[in-house]
Amino acid sequence: MADEWYWCLTHSRAELEPDCPALDRLGPYPSKEAAEGWRETNEAREETWKAQDEAWEGDDDGGGPDES
């Protein structure tokens, strides 16, 4: 099984075998470097989601799913 890394919110570090509960960590990530880059990953996802929301809200019929 491949190693799974986590970003620990309590200790502010990447951990291979987390000591803290799942509520206090992010992951799993495929590598230590990926866990350490959690913030960049999160920001990229947020930008994508924001763009998708703006595109959805800009729909010609006022946005949102068809409710008919």
N, C-alpha and C. Protein backbone atom coordinates (compact mmCIF):
# COMPACT_ATOMS: atom_id res chain seq x y z
N MET A 1 0.85 -1.19 0.00
CA MET A 1 0.00 0.00 0.00
C MET A 1 0.89 1.24 0.00
N ALA A 2 0.51 2.21 -0.79
CA ALA A 2 1.27 3.44 -0.88
C ALA A 2 1.11 4.26 0.41
N ASP A 3 2.14 5.04 0.69
CA ASP A 3 2.07 5.91 1.86
C ASP A 3 1.00 6.97 1.65
N GLU A 4 0.31 7.31 2.70
CA GLU A 4 -0.68 8.38 2.68
C GLU A 4 -0.26 9.44 3.69
N TRP A 5 -0.10 10.64 3.21
CA TRP A 5 0.30 11.76 4.06
C TRP A 5 -0.90 12.63 4.37
N TYR A 6 -0.83 13.29 5.52
CA TYR A 6 -1.90 14.17 5.97
C TYR A 6 -1.28 15.50 6.41
N TRP A 7 -2.09 16.56 6.30
CA TRP A 7 -1.68 17.84 6.87
C TRP A 7 -2.41 17.97 8.19
N CYS A 8 -1.64 18.06 9.27
CA CYS A 8 -2.22 18.17 10.61
C CYS A 8 -2.46 19.64 10.93
N LEU A 9 -3.71 19.98 11.17
CA LEU A 9 -4.06 21.37 11.50
C LEU A 9 -3.63 21.74 12.92
N THR A 10 -3.50 20.75 13.78
CA THR A 10 -3.08 20.99 15.16
C THR A 10 -1.59 21.30 15.22
N HIS A 11 -0.79 20.51 14.51
CA HIS A 11 0.66 20.65 14.58
C HIS A 11 1.26 21.47 13.42
N SER A 12 0.42 21.83 12.44
CA SER A 12 0.86 22.59 11.25
C SER A 12 2.05 21.93 10.57
N ARG A 13 1.88 20.63 10.26
CA ARG A 13 2.94 19.90 9.57
C ARG A 13 2.35 18.68 8.87
N ALA A 14 3.12 18.19 7.88
CA ALA A 14 2.76 16.96 7.19
C ALA A 14 3.11 15.79 8.09
N GLU A 15 2.20 14.82 8.15
CA GLU A 15 2.43 13.65 9.00
C GLU A 15 2.08 12.38 8.22
N LEU A 16 2.95 11.40 8.32
CA LEU A 16 2.72 10.12 7.66
C LEU A 16 1.72 9.27 8.45
N GLU A 17 1.86 9.26 9.74
CA GLU A 17 0.94 8.54 10.60
C GLU A 17 0.35 9.55 11.60
N PRO A 18 -0.79 10.13 11.24
CA PRO A 18 -1.35 11.19 12.08
C PRO A 18 -1.72 10.72 13.48
N ASP A 19 -1.42 11.59 14.44
CA ASP A 19 -1.77 11.32 15.83
C ASP A 19 -3.11 11.95 16.20
N CYS A 20 -3.55 12.90 15.39
CA CYS A 20 -4.76 13.67 15.72
C CYS A 20 -5.98 13.10 15.01
N PRO A 21 -7.17 13.38 15.53
CA PRO A 21 -8.40 12.89 14.91
C PRO A 21 -8.60 13.46 13.51
N ALA A 22 -9.40 12.77 12.71
CA ALA A 22 -9.65 13.18 11.33
C ALA A 22 -10.16 14.62 11.24
N LEU A 23 -10.87 15.08 12.23
CA LEU A 23 -11.39 16.44 12.25
C LEU A 23 -10.27 17.47 12.19
N ASP A 24 -9.09 17.11 12.65
CA ASP A 24 -7.97 18.04 12.75
C ASP A 24 -6.91 17.83 11.67
N ARG A 25 -7.27 17.15 10.57
CA ARG A 25 -6.27 16.94 9.51
C ARG A 25 -6.92 16.96 8.14
N LEU A 26 -6.11 17.21 7.14
CA LEU A 26 -6.53 17.20 5.75
C LEU A 26 -5.81 16.08 5.03
N GLY A 27 -6.47 15.47 4.09
CA GLY A 27 -5.85 14.41 3.32
C GLY A 27 -6.76 13.22 3.23
N PRO A 28 -6.24 12.15 2.69
CA PRO A 28 -4.83 11.85 2.49
C PRO A 28 -4.28 12.46 1.20
N TYR A 29 -2.99 12.65 1.18
CA TYR A 29 -2.24 13.14 0.03
C TYR A 29 -1.25 12.06 -0.38
N PRO A 30 -0.87 12.03 -1.65
CA PRO A 30 0.03 10.97 -2.13
C PRO A 30 1.49 11.12 -1.71
N SER A 31 1.86 12.31 -1.24
CA SER A 31 3.26 12.55 -0.84
C SER A 31 3.32 13.62 0.23
N LYS A 32 4.48 13.70 0.87
CA LYS A 32 4.69 14.74 1.87
C LYS A 32 4.60 16.12 1.23
N GLU A 33 5.17 16.25 0.02
CA GLU A 33 5.14 17.54 -0.68
C GLU A 33 3.72 17.96 -1.01
N ALA A 34 2.89 17.01 -1.40
CA ALA A 34 1.49 17.33 -1.70
C ALA A 34 0.76 17.77 -0.43
N ALA A 35 1.03 17.10 0.69
CA ALA A 35 0.41 17.50 1.96
C ALA A 35 0.86 18.90 2.35
N GLU A 36 2.14 19.20 2.16
CA GLU A 36 2.65 20.52 2.49
C GLU A 36 2.09 21.59 1.56
N GLY A 37 1.63 21.21 0.38
CA GLY A 37 1.05 22.15 -0.57
C GLY A 37 -0.46 22.22 -0.49
N TRP A 38 -1.02 21.82 0.64
CA TRP A 38 -2.48 21.79 0.78
C TRP A 38 -3.12 23.14 0.51
N ARG A 39 -2.46 24.20 0.93
CA ARG A 39 -3.06 25.54 0.77
C ARG A 39 -3.21 25.90 -0.71
N GLU A 40 -2.17 25.62 -1.51
CA GLU A 40 -2.23 25.91 -2.94
C GLU A 40 -3.31 25.07 -3.61
N THR A 41 -3.41 23.81 -3.21
CA THR A 41 -4.45 22.93 -3.76
C THR A 41 -5.82 23.48 -3.42
N ASN A 42 -6.01 23.89 -2.19
CA ASN A 42 -7.29 24.44 -1.75
C ASN A 42 -7.64 25.72 -2.51
N GLU A 43 -6.67 26.61 -2.66
CA GLU A 43 -6.92 27.87 -3.36
C GLU A 43 -7.27 27.63 -4.83
N ALA A 44 -6.60 26.68 -5.47
CA ALA A 44 -6.90 26.36 -6.87
C ALA A 44 -8.32 25.81 -7.00
N ARG A 45 -8.70 24.94 -6.07
CA ARG A 45 -10.07 24.40 -6.10
C ARG A 45 -11.10 25.49 -5.89
N GLU A 46 -10.83 26.39 -4.94
CA GLU A 46 -11.76 27.49 -4.67
C GLU A 46 -11.94 28.38 -5.90
N GLU A 47 -10.84 28.67 -6.61
CA GLU A 47 -10.93 29.49 -7.82
C GLU A 47 -11.77 28.79 -8.88
N THR A 48 -11.57 27.48 -9.04
CA THR A 48 -12.36 26.72 -10.01
C THR A 48 -13.83 26.75 -9.64
N TRP A 49 -14.13 26.51 -8.37
CA TRP A 49 -15.53 26.50 -7.93
C TRP A 49 -16.16 27.87 -8.08
N LYS A 50 -15.42 28.92 -7.78
CA LYS A 50 -15.95 30.28 -7.91
C LYS A 50 -16.28 30.57 -9.37
N ALA A 51 -15.39 30.20 -10.29
CA ALA A 51 -15.64 30.41 -11.71
C ALA A 51 -16.87 29.62 -12.17
N GLN A 52 -17.00 28.39 -11.68
CA GLN A 52 -18.17 27.59 -12.03
C GLN A 52 -19.45 28.21 -11.48
N ASP A 53 -19.41 28.71 -10.26
CA ASP A 53 -20.58 29.38 -9.67
C ASP A 53 -20.96 30.62 -10.47
N GLU A 54 -19.96 31.41 -10.86
CA GLU A 54 -20.23 32.63 -11.63
C GLU A 54 -20.83 32.27 -12.99
N ALA A 55 -20.33 31.23 -13.63
CA ALA A 55 -20.88 30.79 -14.91
C ALA A 55 -22.32 30.32 -14.73
N TRP A 56 -22.57 29.60 -13.64
CA TRP A 56 -23.92 29.11 -13.36
C TRP A 56 -24.88 30.27 -13.13
N GLU A 57 -24.46 31.24 -12.33
CA GLU A 57 -25.31 32.38 -12.02
C GLU A 57 -25.54 33.28 -13.22
N GLY A 58 -24.65 33.21 -14.20
CA GLY A 58 -24.77 34.03 -15.39
C GLY A 58 -25.60 33.39 -16.49
N ASP A 59 -26.23 32.27 -16.20
CA ASP A 59 -27.06 31.57 -17.18
C ASP A 59 -28.17 32.50 -17.67
N ASP A 60 -28.56 32.37 -18.94
CA ASP A 60 -29.56 33.26 -19.57
C ASP A 60 -30.90 33.28 -18.86
N ASP A 61 -31.31 32.16 -18.27
CA ASP A 61 -32.64 32.12 -17.65
C ASP A 61 -32.60 32.46 -16.15
N GLY A 62 -31.52 33.08 -15.71
CA GLY A 62 -31.43 33.48 -14.32
C GLY A 62 -30.66 32.52 -13.46
N GLY A 63 -30.15 31.46 -14.05
CA GLY A 63 -29.31 30.52 -13.29
C GLY A 63 -30.13 29.47 -12.58
N GLY A 64 -29.45 28.49 -12.11
CA GLY A 64 -30.09 27.43 -11.36
C GLY A 64 -30.67 26.37 -12.27
N PRO A 65 -31.03 25.25 -11.68
CA PRO A 65 -31.60 24.15 -12.46
C PRO A 65 -33.01 24.47 -12.93
N ASP A 66 -33.41 23.78 -13.96
CA ASP A 66 -34.78 23.94 -14.47
C ASP A 66 -35.75 23.37 -13.46
N GLU A 67 -36.69 24.19 -13.01
CA GLU A 67 -37.61 23.75 -11.96
C GLU A 67 -38.99 23.41 -12.52
N SER A 68 -39.08 23.13 -13.81
CA SER A 68 -40.39 22.81 -14.38
C SER A 68 -40.72 21.35 -14.25
